[in-house]
Amino acid sequence: MGRERLAFLILLLFGVVVRPARASITVLVGEPFGTFGTLLPVGHTTIYLDHVCADGPLKLRMCRPGEAAGVAISRYNQIGAYDWLATPILEFLYGVDKPGDALPYASQQQVDELRQRYRRRVLGEIFPDGTERLDRNSEWWESVAMAYVRRFWGYELATTREQDERLVAAINARPNRHSYGAYRRNCANFAADVVSFYYPGLVKRARMADLGFLLPKQLARSVYLYGQAHPEAGLRVVEIPQVPGTIRRSHAVRGGAETFLKTKRYVFPLAVVQPEIAAGLFVCYMNHGGWKIARTAEVLGPETVERPMEAADADR
């Protein structure tokens, strides 16, 4: 297949959306996938900053004029001694540094090859050959080529250069040390801390609906409701589809109580053995748990996810 036809197919699959020149922060909610995602379908949260770039995998910096802008940062549980990794947005989503190189159709083997290539080039000092499959390092691959295994929903709000610079300084100044905890220090907590840096008080917990946790769906809901109430924040909702291929499709993001009520392996035994617990979960679910993620969204793809930053943007 020729490169021109490949580019055409990518555009046809993902559509073309002109991105605004403003700086922004986007909460990316990745749909659950695989066995673990079936058992606990709450998804994963990543922060995308389109005027901030990766200074290697463990530091941030402001993007330069003419540079392909954007970094994805996320907390993981098993990435050695570290708490989070920074990945250029195209490589985070598609495992490539040029939109035209993204695979329009992918197999697991192709995706694995993209990830290993990135690991050796960028993460080699952190995860050398032979150590990348150890339990303590086993989640590094979730920082690369993720649009081949899951769909993403994005909730974007405007930022300023001054805010971005303060965030970069603040994150670089604190130790990047493993601190994951499922209850208070999960991926959604990390993302919520970054969002709160820009918009204090924005994040609202749904303690009943999420059984005390802060989960990806509720963080997205908080951003969405804030954007609806504050038009000046420039809310934008986007969808980054899972790339077609032989890899199993991801599925809907759910909240805490919603997981037990809408997952057959949980709700049927509870309804029979402990109906009072099922009833309690239903009450919790009715407390904000029924909000639908991404009812309407702009569809983005490799050609429209990133935008080379212009000199005027750098001077903001």
Protein backbone atom coordinates (compact mmCIF):
# COMPACT_ATOMS: atom_id res chain seq x y z
CA MET A 1 0.00 0.00 0.00
CA GLY A 2 1.48 3.38 -1.03
CA ARG A 3 2.16 6.14 1.48
CA GLU A 4 -0.42 8.45 -0.11
CA ARG A 5 -3.15 5.83 0.17
CA LEU A 6 -2.06 5.03 3.73
CA ALA A 7 -2.32 8.71 4.69
CA PHE A 8 -5.72 8.91 3.01
CA LEU A 9 -6.98 5.89 4.96
CA ILE A 10 -5.76 7.39 8.23
CA LEU A 11 -7.61 10.61 7.48
CA LEU A 12 -10.69 8.68 6.43
CA LEU A 13 -10.65 6.56 9.58
CA PHE A 14 -10.10 9.36 12.05
CA GLY A 15 -11.37 12.53 10.38
CA VAL A 16 -9.75 15.95 10.29
CA VAL A 17 -10.30 18.46 13.08
CA VAL A 18 -8.44 21.77 13.20
CA ARG A 19 -6.97 22.22 16.65
CA PRO A 20 -7.12 25.64 18.29
CA ALA A 21 -3.98 27.70 18.90
CA ARG A 22 -4.59 28.04 22.64
CA ALA A 23 -2.70 26.05 25.25
CA SER A 24 -4.72 23.43 27.02
CA ILE A 25 -4.86 20.56 29.48
CA THR A 26 -6.81 17.43 28.56
CA VAL A 27 -7.93 14.62 30.85
CA LEU A 28 -7.63 11.49 28.71
CA VAL A 29 -9.76 8.61 29.97
CA GLY A 30 -8.68 5.32 28.43
CA GLU A 31 -11.26 2.57 28.19
CA PRO A 32 -10.62 -0.71 30.02
CA PHE A 33 -9.28 -3.66 28.05
CA GLY A 34 -8.06 -7.20 28.58
CA THR A 35 -8.81 -9.53 31.47
CA PHE A 36 -8.16 -6.97 34.19
CA GLY A 37 -10.30 -4.42 32.38
CA THR A 38 -13.15 -6.94 32.29
CA LEU A 39 -12.90 -7.63 36.01
CA LEU A 40 -12.49 -3.97 36.97
CA PRO A 41 -13.71 -1.79 34.08
CA VAL A 42 -12.84 1.65 35.49
CA GLY A 43 -10.26 2.56 32.84
CA HIS A 44 -7.12 4.67 33.18
CA THR A 45 -6.44 8.40 33.35
CA THR A 46 -3.66 10.31 31.59
CA ILE A 47 -2.97 14.05 31.41
CA TYR A 48 -2.20 15.58 28.02
CA LEU A 49 -0.58 19.05 27.91
CA ASP A 50 -0.27 20.40 24.38
CA HIS A 51 2.26 23.19 25.06
CA VAL A 52 4.49 21.11 27.36
CA CYS A 53 7.00 18.57 26.05
CA ALA A 54 8.87 15.59 27.48
CA ASP A 55 12.48 16.23 28.52
CA GLY A 56 13.18 12.53 28.52
CA PRO A 57 10.73 10.17 30.25
CA LEU A 58 11.16 11.63 33.76
CA LYS A 59 11.14 15.41 33.26
CA LEU A 60 9.06 18.09 31.54
CA ARG A 61 9.90 21.31 29.70
CA MET A 62 8.08 23.94 27.69
CA CYS A 63 7.81 23.16 23.98
CA ARG A 64 9.86 25.20 21.51
CA PRO A 65 8.57 27.02 18.42
CA GLY A 66 8.19 24.64 15.50
CA GLU A 67 8.30 21.59 17.76
CA ALA A 68 5.55 19.00 17.65
CA ALA A 69 3.74 19.94 20.82
CA GLY A 70 2.35 17.77 23.51
CA VAL A 71 3.15 15.33 26.28
CA ALA A 72 1.18 12.59 28.01
CA ILE A 73 1.97 12.08 31.69
CA SER A 74 0.48 9.39 33.85
CA ARG A 75 1.02 7.55 37.12
CA TYR A 76 1.62 3.80 36.99
CA ASN A 77 1.96 1.19 39.70
CA GLN A 78 4.81 -0.91 38.33
CA ILE A 79 7.43 1.21 36.59
CA GLY A 80 10.35 0.42 38.81
CA ALA A 81 11.25 3.12 41.32
CA TYR A 82 9.28 5.83 39.52
CA ASP A 83 5.82 7.32 39.99
CA TRP A 84 5.05 8.62 36.48
CA LEU A 85 6.35 8.66 32.92
CA ALA A 86 6.24 11.41 30.30
CA THR A 87 5.73 10.41 26.65
CA PRO A 88 5.35 12.60 23.52
CA ILE A 89 1.68 12.42 22.64
CA LEU A 90 2.02 10.73 19.24
CA GLU A 91 4.28 8.06 20.69
CA PHE A 92 1.96 7.60 23.66
CA LEU A 93 -0.98 6.99 21.31
CA TYR A 94 0.58 5.45 18.19
CA GLY A 95 4.21 4.57 19.00
CA VAL A 96 5.58 6.85 16.24
CA ASP A 97 6.91 10.39 15.99
CA LYS A 98 5.24 11.27 12.67
CA PRO A 99 1.48 11.08 12.02
CA GLY A 100 1.98 9.44 8.63
CA ASP A 101 3.83 6.53 10.27
CA ALA A 102 0.87 5.49 12.44
CA LEU A 103 -0.45 2.04 11.65
CA PRO A 104 -3.94 2.13 10.08
CA TYR A 105 -4.46 -1.52 11.07
CA ALA A 106 -2.50 -3.24 13.81
CA SER A 107 -1.71 -6.68 15.18
CA GLN A 108 -0.38 -7.36 18.66
CA GLN A 109 3.01 -8.26 17.21
CA GLN A 110 3.28 -4.94 15.39
CA VAL A 111 2.34 -3.02 18.53
CA ASP A 112 4.87 -4.97 20.60
CA GLU A 113 7.57 -4.09 18.07
CA LEU A 114 6.71 -0.39 18.27
CA ARG A 115 6.90 -0.51 22.05
CA GLN A 116 10.20 -2.36 22.18
CA ARG A 117 11.68 0.07 19.69
CA TYR A 118 10.59 3.01 21.86
CA ARG A 119 11.83 1.33 25.04
CA ARG A 120 15.31 0.75 23.65
CA ARG A 121 15.52 4.29 22.29
CA VAL A 122 13.99 6.26 25.17
CA LEU A 123 13.53 4.01 28.20
CA GLY A 124 16.62 1.85 27.84
CA GLU A 125 18.37 3.21 30.92
CA ILE A 126 15.28 2.68 33.08
CA PHE A 127 14.19 -0.67 31.65
CA PRO A 128 17.25 -2.34 30.06
CA ASP A 129 16.91 -5.46 27.92
CA GLY A 130 16.02 -8.42 30.10
CA THR A 131 14.35 -6.37 32.85
CA GLU A 132 11.32 -5.03 30.99
CA ARG A 133 9.14 -8.02 31.87
CA LEU A 134 9.87 -8.11 35.60
CA ASP A 135 6.79 -7.54 37.78
CA ARG A 136 8.17 -4.30 39.19
CA ASN A 137 8.65 -2.94 35.66
CA SER A 138 5.70 -4.56 33.94
CA GLU A 139 3.61 -1.46 33.20
CA TRP A 140 6.12 0.58 31.17
CA TRP A 141 4.45 -0.54 27.94
CA GLU A 142 1.24 1.27 28.95
CA SER A 143 3.05 4.53 28.20
CA VAL A 144 3.48 3.73 24.48
CA ALA A 145 1.18 2.95 21.51
CA MET A 146 -1.98 2.82 23.59
CA ALA A 147 -4.48 3.81 20.87
CA TYR A 148 -4.03 0.34 19.39
CA VAL A 149 -5.48 -1.31 22.50
CA ARG A 150 -8.03 1.17 23.84
CA ARG A 151 -10.24 4.09 22.89
CA PHE A 152 -9.72 7.42 24.66
CA TRP A 153 -12.15 10.13 25.65
CA GLY A 154 -10.64 13.58 26.20
CA TYR A 155 -11.92 16.52 28.26
CA GLU A 156 -9.97 19.67 27.43
CA LEU A 157 -9.80 23.04 29.19
CA ALA A 158 -7.75 26.13 28.32
CA THR A 159 -4.52 27.01 30.12
CA THR A 160 -1.98 29.85 29.91
CA ARG A 161 1.76 29.75 29.33
CA GLU A 162 2.35 31.05 32.85
CA GLN A 163 0.33 28.18 34.32
CA ASP A 164 2.18 25.65 32.18
CA GLU A 165 5.55 27.04 33.25
CA ARG A 166 4.59 26.86 36.92
CA LEU A 167 3.42 23.28 36.53
CA VAL A 168 6.63 22.23 34.77
CA ALA A 169 8.70 23.80 37.54
CA ALA A 170 6.59 22.21 40.27
CA ILE A 171 6.65 18.69 38.81
CA ASN A 172 10.35 18.80 38.02
CA ALA A 173 11.14 20.03 41.52
CA ARG A 174 9.57 17.12 43.35
CA PRO A 175 11.04 13.61 43.44
CA ASN A 176 9.62 11.22 40.86
CA ARG A 177 9.42 8.24 43.22
CA HIS A 178 7.00 5.36 43.31
CA SER A 179 3.97 6.32 45.40
CA TYR A 180 1.05 4.48 43.83
CA GLY A 181 -1.83 3.52 46.10
CA ALA A 182 -5.18 2.26 44.88
CA TYR A 183 -7.26 4.32 47.29
CA ARG A 184 -5.58 7.74 47.52
CA ARG A 185 -2.76 7.71 44.96
CA ASN A 186 -4.08 6.04 41.83
CA CYS A 187 -3.88 7.32 38.25
CA ALA A 188 -7.03 9.43 38.64
CA ASN A 189 -5.66 11.03 41.84
CA PHE A 190 -2.49 12.00 39.98
CA ALA A 191 -4.47 13.50 37.11
CA ALA A 192 -6.78 15.29 39.55
CA ASP A 193 -3.78 16.89 41.27
CA VAL A 194 -2.59 18.27 37.92
CA VAL A 195 -6.07 19.53 37.00
CA SER A 196 -6.40 21.16 40.42
CA PHE A 197 -3.08 22.96 39.87
CA TYR A 198 -4.76 24.82 36.99
CA TYR A 199 -8.33 24.88 38.30
CA PRO A 200 -8.43 24.70 42.12
CA GLY A 201 -11.65 23.23 43.45
CA LEU A 202 -12.72 21.79 40.09
CA VAL A 203 -12.50 18.11 41.01
CA LYS A 204 -15.54 16.82 42.88
CA ARG A 205 -15.63 13.32 44.31
CA ALA A 206 -18.64 11.03 44.01
CA ARG A 207 -17.98 9.21 47.26
CA MET A 208 -21.12 7.11 47.15
CA ALA A 209 -21.11 6.33 43.44
CA ASP A 210 -17.41 5.40 43.46
CA LEU A 211 -17.37 3.70 46.88
CA GLY A 212 -14.93 6.21 48.33
CA PHE A 213 -12.42 6.14 45.46
CA LEU A 214 -11.67 8.83 42.90
CA LEU A 215 -12.06 7.07 39.54
CA PRO A 216 -11.46 8.18 35.92
CA LYS A 217 -15.12 8.57 35.01
CA GLN A 218 -15.82 10.94 37.90
CA LEU A 219 -12.77 13.05 37.09
CA ALA A 220 -14.02 13.40 33.50
CA ARG A 221 -17.46 14.31 34.83
CA SER A 222 -15.95 17.01 37.05
CA VAL A 223 -14.12 18.58 34.11
CA TYR A 224 -17.20 18.37 31.91
CA LEU A 225 -19.52 19.99 34.47
CA TYR A 226 -17.00 22.73 35.18
CA GLY A 227 -16.65 23.47 31.49
CA GLN A 228 -20.41 23.60 31.07
CA ALA A 229 -20.71 26.08 33.94
CA HIS A 230 -17.69 28.18 32.83
CA PRO A 231 -17.74 28.78 29.04
CA GLU A 232 -14.58 30.89 29.36
CA ALA A 233 -12.66 27.67 30.17
CA GLY A 234 -13.24 26.52 26.57
CA LEU A 235 -14.43 22.98 27.20
CA ARG A 236 -13.77 20.60 24.33
CA VAL A 237 -14.67 16.90 24.31
CA VAL A 238 -12.79 14.61 21.94
CA GLU A 239 -12.67 10.94 21.03
CA ILE A 240 -9.49 9.16 19.97
CA PRO A 241 -10.72 5.86 18.52
CA GLN A 242 -8.98 2.53 19.00
CA VAL A 243 -7.09 1.76 15.82
CA PRO A 244 -8.64 -1.12 13.84
CA GLY A 245 -6.82 -4.43 13.95
CA THR A 246 -6.72 -7.91 15.38
CA ILE A 247 -6.47 -6.68 18.98
CA ARG A 248 -9.61 -7.10 21.06
CA ARG A 249 -11.70 -3.95 21.35
CA SER A 250 -11.78 -1.97 24.60
CA HIS A 251 -15.11 -1.37 26.34
CA ALA A 252 -17.09 1.18 28.31
CA VAL A 253 -15.67 3.04 31.31
CA ARG A 254 -17.62 2.49 34.52
CA GLY A 255 -17.67 3.91 38.02
CA GLY A 256 -17.38 2.01 41.29
CA ALA A 257 -20.97 1.02 42.11
CA GLU A 258 -21.74 0.86 38.38
CA THR A 259 -19.08 -1.84 37.96
CA PHE A 260 -20.87 -4.17 40.35
CA LEU A 261 -24.35 -3.39 39.06
CA LYS A 262 -23.57 -3.75 35.34
CA THR A 263 -21.13 -6.66 35.46
CA LYS A 264 -23.00 -9.96 35.42
CA ARG A 265 -20.36 -11.89 37.33
CA TYR A 266 -20.91 -9.54 40.28
CA VAL A 267 -24.54 -8.45 40.26
CA PHE A 268 -26.22 -11.88 39.92
CA PRO A 269 -24.45 -13.52 42.91
CA LEU A 270 -25.01 -10.38 45.00
CA ALA A 271 -28.70 -10.24 44.12
CA VAL A 272 -29.15 -13.86 45.21
CA VAL A 273 -26.82 -14.10 48.21
CA GLN A 274 -26.76 -10.54 49.53
CA PRO A 275 -29.70 -8.61 48.00
CA GLU A 276 -29.30 -5.84 50.56
CA ILE A 277 -25.80 -5.14 49.24
CA ALA A 278 -27.12 -5.00 45.67
CA ALA A 279 -29.80 -2.56 46.83
CA GLY A 280 -27.17 -0.43 48.54
CA LEU A 281 -25.05 -0.37 45.40
CA PHE A 282 -28.06 0.78 43.41
CA VAL A 283 -28.54 3.69 45.82
CA CYS A 284 -24.86 4.57 45.43
CA TYR A 285 -25.11 4.33 41.67
CA MET A 286 -28.03 6.75 41.61
CA ASN A 287 -25.74 9.28 43.32
CA HIS A 288 -24.08 10.57 40.10
CA GLY A 289 -23.12 7.08 38.89
CA GLY A 290 -25.33 7.18 35.81
CA TRP A 291 -23.51 10.00 34.03
CA LYS A 292 -22.60 8.99 30.47
CA ILE A 293 -19.06 9.59 29.32
CA ALA A 294 -18.58 11.44 26.00
CA ARG A 295 -22.11 11.72 24.69
CA THR A 296 -20.82 13.95 21.89
CA ALA A 297 -17.20 14.31 20.92
CA GLU A 298 -14.95 15.44 18.07
CA VAL A 299 -13.06 12.50 16.58
CA LEU A 300 -9.28 12.90 16.37
CA GLY A 301 -6.60 10.77 14.73
CA PRO A 302 -2.84 10.83 14.08
CA GLU A 303 -3.05 13.83 11.75
CA THR A 304 -5.03 15.93 14.22
CA VAL A 305 -3.85 14.93 17.69
CA GLU A 306 -0.70 17.02 17.64
CA ARG A 307 0.11 20.41 16.16
CA PRO A 308 3.59 21.96 15.66
CA MET A 309 3.74 24.91 18.03
CA GLU A 310 4.04 28.28 16.35
CA ALA A 311 6.26 31.10 17.54
CA ALA A 312 3.20 33.12 18.53
CA ASP A 313 2.08 30.30 20.80
CA ALA A 314 5.50 30.12 22.46
CA ASP A 315 5.25 33.80 23.37
CA ARG A 316 1.93 33.39 25.19
